[in-house]
Amino acid sequence: METEAAEEWTSDLAMAELRYILCREIDWQESCDRVNKLLASGIFEVEDTLTLINEASRMKWERTISLADRFTLPLAGHVGGVAVFARKEHLSK
């Protein structure tokens, strides 16, 4: 039985958020080094936020979710995928 390979995507904004979160635990240079290694690994594709900004802006108006999550949701639609989060978001209007 063959299974279809999954493609992983993220936004450049999520990478900026990851650098920030890591630098709170470790220093700035180490956080940049780790994120750069992750990006160089080719594990996932990184989408430029410019392609997602209109949809993310609309979501800001409609829902109270984080900025990074506002870009993850339209990215999932853009690539025909499913948004995956560390924990379930409670969407409120």
C-alpha atoms as a PDB file:
ATOM      1  CA  MET A   1       0.000   0.000   0.000  1.00  0.00           C
ATOM      2  CA  GLU A   2       1.457   3.333  -1.049  1.00  0.00           C
ATOM      3  CA  THR A   3       0.842   6.468   0.955  1.00  0.00           C
ATOM      4  CA  GLU A   4       1.016   9.970  -0.361  1.00  0.00           C
ATOM      5  CA  ALA A   5       3.921  11.990   1.010  1.00  0.00           C
ATOM      6  CA  ALA A   6       2.917  14.955   3.129  1.00  0.00           C
ATOM      7  CA  GLU A   7       4.163  18.450   2.396  1.00  0.00           C
ATOM      8  CA  GLU A   8       4.824  20.742   5.336  1.00  0.00           C
ATOM      9  CA  TRP A   9       4.463  24.501   4.975  1.00  0.00           C
ATOM     10  CA  THR A  10       4.908  27.475   7.259  1.00  0.00           C
ATOM     11  CA  SER A  11       5.045  31.241   6.856  1.00  0.00           C
ATOM     12  CA  ASP A  12       8.038  33.512   7.231  1.00  0.00           C
ATOM     13  CA  LEU A  13       6.129  35.185  10.066  1.00  0.00           C
ATOM     14  CA  ALA A  14       6.031  31.859  11.945  1.00  0.00           C
ATOM     15  CA  MET A  15       9.807  31.615  11.525  1.00  0.00           C
ATOM     16  CA  ALA A  16      10.210  35.088  13.032  1.00  0.00           C
ATOM     17  CA  GLU A  17       7.981  34.033  15.948  1.00  0.00           C
ATOM     18  CA  LEU A  18      10.040  30.864  16.425  1.00  0.00           C
ATOM     19  CA  ARG A  19      13.277  32.897  16.570  1.00  0.00           C
ATOM     20  CA  TYR A  20      11.707  35.155  19.219  1.00  0.00           C
ATOM     21  CA  ILE A  21      10.425  32.254  21.335  1.00  0.00           C
ATOM     22  CA  LEU A  22      13.782  30.484  21.196  1.00  0.00           C
ATOM     23  CA  CYS A  23      15.777  33.597  22.063  1.00  0.00           C
ATOM     24  CA  ARG A  24      13.789  33.953  25.286  1.00  0.00           C
ATOM     25  CA  GLU A  25      15.151  30.544  26.350  1.00  0.00           C
ATOM     26  CA  ILE A  26      18.592  30.763  24.731  1.00  0.00           C
ATOM     27  CA  ASP A  27      20.505  33.689  23.304  1.00  0.00           C
ATOM     28  CA  TRP A  28      19.646  35.469  20.041  1.00  0.00           C
ATOM     29  CA  GLN A  29      22.524  34.082  17.982  1.00  0.00           C
ATOM     30  CA  GLU A  30      21.836  30.490  19.028  1.00  0.00           C
ATOM     31  CA  SER A  31      18.145  30.885  18.211  1.00  0.00           C
ATOM     32  CA  CYS A  32      19.023  32.215  14.741  1.00  0.00           C
ATOM     33  CA  ASP A  33      21.497  29.381  14.174  1.00  0.00           C
ATOM     34  CA  ARG A  34      18.899  26.756  15.098  1.00  0.00           C
ATOM     35  CA  VAL A  35      16.168  28.260  12.938  1.00  0.00           C
ATOM     36  CA  ASN A  36      18.587  28.645  10.015  1.00  0.00           C
ATOM     37  CA  LYS A  37      19.527  24.952  10.330  1.00  0.00           C
ATOM     38  CA  LEU A  38      15.842  24.026  10.414  1.00  0.00           C
ATOM     39  CA  LEU A  39      15.195  26.084   7.286  1.00  0.00           C
ATOM     40  CA  ALA A  40      18.230  24.607   5.527  1.00  0.00           C
ATOM     41  CA  SER A  41      17.040  21.072   6.296  1.00  0.00           C
ATOM     42  CA  GLY A  42      14.290  21.405   3.692  1.00  0.00           C
ATOM     43  CA  ILE A  43      11.742  19.775   6.006  1.00  0.00           C
ATOM     44  CA  PHE A  44       9.137  22.333   4.986  1.00  0.00           C
ATOM     45  CA  GLU A  45       8.434  25.096   2.532  1.00  0.00           C
ATOM     46  CA  VAL A  46       8.217  28.709   3.719  1.00  0.00           C
ATOM     47  CA  GLU A  47       5.543  30.914   2.147  1.00  0.00           C
ATOM     48  CA  ASP A  48       6.074  34.660   1.952  1.00  0.00           C
ATOM     49  CA  THR A  49       3.461  36.471   4.050  1.00  0.00           C
ATOM     50  CA  LEU A  50       2.727  38.877   1.176  1.00  0.00           C
ATOM     51  CA  THR A  51       0.710  36.136  -0.534  1.00  0.00           C
ATOM     52  CA  LEU A  52      -1.384  35.665   2.622  1.00  0.00           C
ATOM     53  CA  ILE A  53      -1.774  39.200   3.948  1.00  0.00           C
ATOM     54  CA  ASN A  54      -5.281  39.960   2.666  1.00  0.00           C
ATOM     55  CA  GLU A  55      -6.803  36.827   4.150  1.00  0.00           C
ATOM     56  CA  ALA A  56      -4.872  37.253   7.403  1.00  0.00           C
ATOM     57  CA  SER A  57      -6.099  40.837   7.693  1.00  0.00           C
ATOM     58  CA  ARG A  58      -9.702  39.712   7.211  1.00  0.00           C
ATOM     59  CA  MET A  59      -9.226  37.122   9.962  1.00  0.00           C
ATOM     60  CA  LYS A  60      -7.898  39.808  12.291  1.00  0.00           C
ATOM     61  CA  TRP A  61     -11.173  41.630  11.820  1.00  0.00           C
ATOM     62  CA  GLU A  62     -13.291  38.475  12.273  1.00  0.00           C
ATOM     63  CA  ARG A  63     -11.508  36.590  15.074  1.00  0.00           C
ATOM     64  CA  THR A  64      -9.272  37.137  18.056  1.00  0.00           C
ATOM     65  CA  ILE A  65      -6.385  34.777  17.266  1.00  0.00           C
ATOM     66  CA  SER A  66      -2.656  35.390  17.235  1.00  0.00           C
ATOM     67  CA  LEU A  67      -0.955  37.081  14.312  1.00  0.00           C
ATOM     68  CA  ALA A  68       1.063  33.965  13.440  1.00  0.00           C
ATOM     69  CA  ASP A  69      -2.091  31.826  13.500  1.00  0.00           C
ATOM     70  CA  ARG A  70      -3.830  34.362  11.265  1.00  0.00           C
ATOM     71  CA  PHE A  71      -1.218  33.575   8.630  1.00  0.00           C
ATOM     72  CA  THR A  72      -1.240  29.800   9.217  1.00  0.00           C
ATOM     73  CA  LEU A  73      -4.929  29.448   8.381  1.00  0.00           C
ATOM     74  CA  PRO A  74      -4.849  31.140   4.954  1.00  0.00           C
ATOM     75  CA  LEU A  75      -1.566  29.337   4.219  1.00  0.00           C
ATOM     76  CA  ALA A  76      -3.336  26.002   4.706  1.00  0.00           C
ATOM     77  CA  GLY A  77      -5.995  27.100   2.228  1.00  0.00           C
ATOM     78  CA  HIS A  78      -3.400  28.447  -0.201  1.00  0.00           C
ATOM     79  CA  VAL A  79      -1.520  25.131  -0.412  1.00  0.00           C
ATOM     80  CA  GLY A  80      -4.641  22.947  -0.126  1.00  0.00           C
ATOM     81  CA  GLY A  81      -3.621  21.629   3.267  1.00  0.00           C
ATOM     82  CA  VAL A  82      -4.707  21.477   6.884  1.00  0.00           C
ATOM     83  CA  ALA A  83      -3.565  23.905   9.582  1.00  0.00           C
ATOM     84  CA  VAL A  84      -1.933  22.136  12.543  1.00  0.00           C
ATOM     85  CA  PHE A  85      -1.424  23.877  15.891  1.00  0.00           C
ATOM     86  CA  ALA A  86       0.254  22.833  19.136  1.00  0.00           C
ATOM     87  CA  ARG A  87      -3.080  23.142  20.956  1.00  0.00           C
ATOM     88  CA  LYS A  88      -6.679  23.698  19.968  1.00  0.00           C
ATOM     89  CA  GLU A  89      -7.588  27.324  19.330  1.00  0.00           C
ATOM     90  CA  HIS A  90     -10.877  28.669  20.650  1.00  0.00           C
ATOM     91  CA  LEU A  91     -12.123  30.973  17.935  1.00  0.00           C
ATOM     92  CA  SER A  92     -14.326  33.810  19.074  1.00  0.00           C
ATOM     93  CA  LYS A  93     -15.914  36.470  16.959  1.00  0.00           C
END
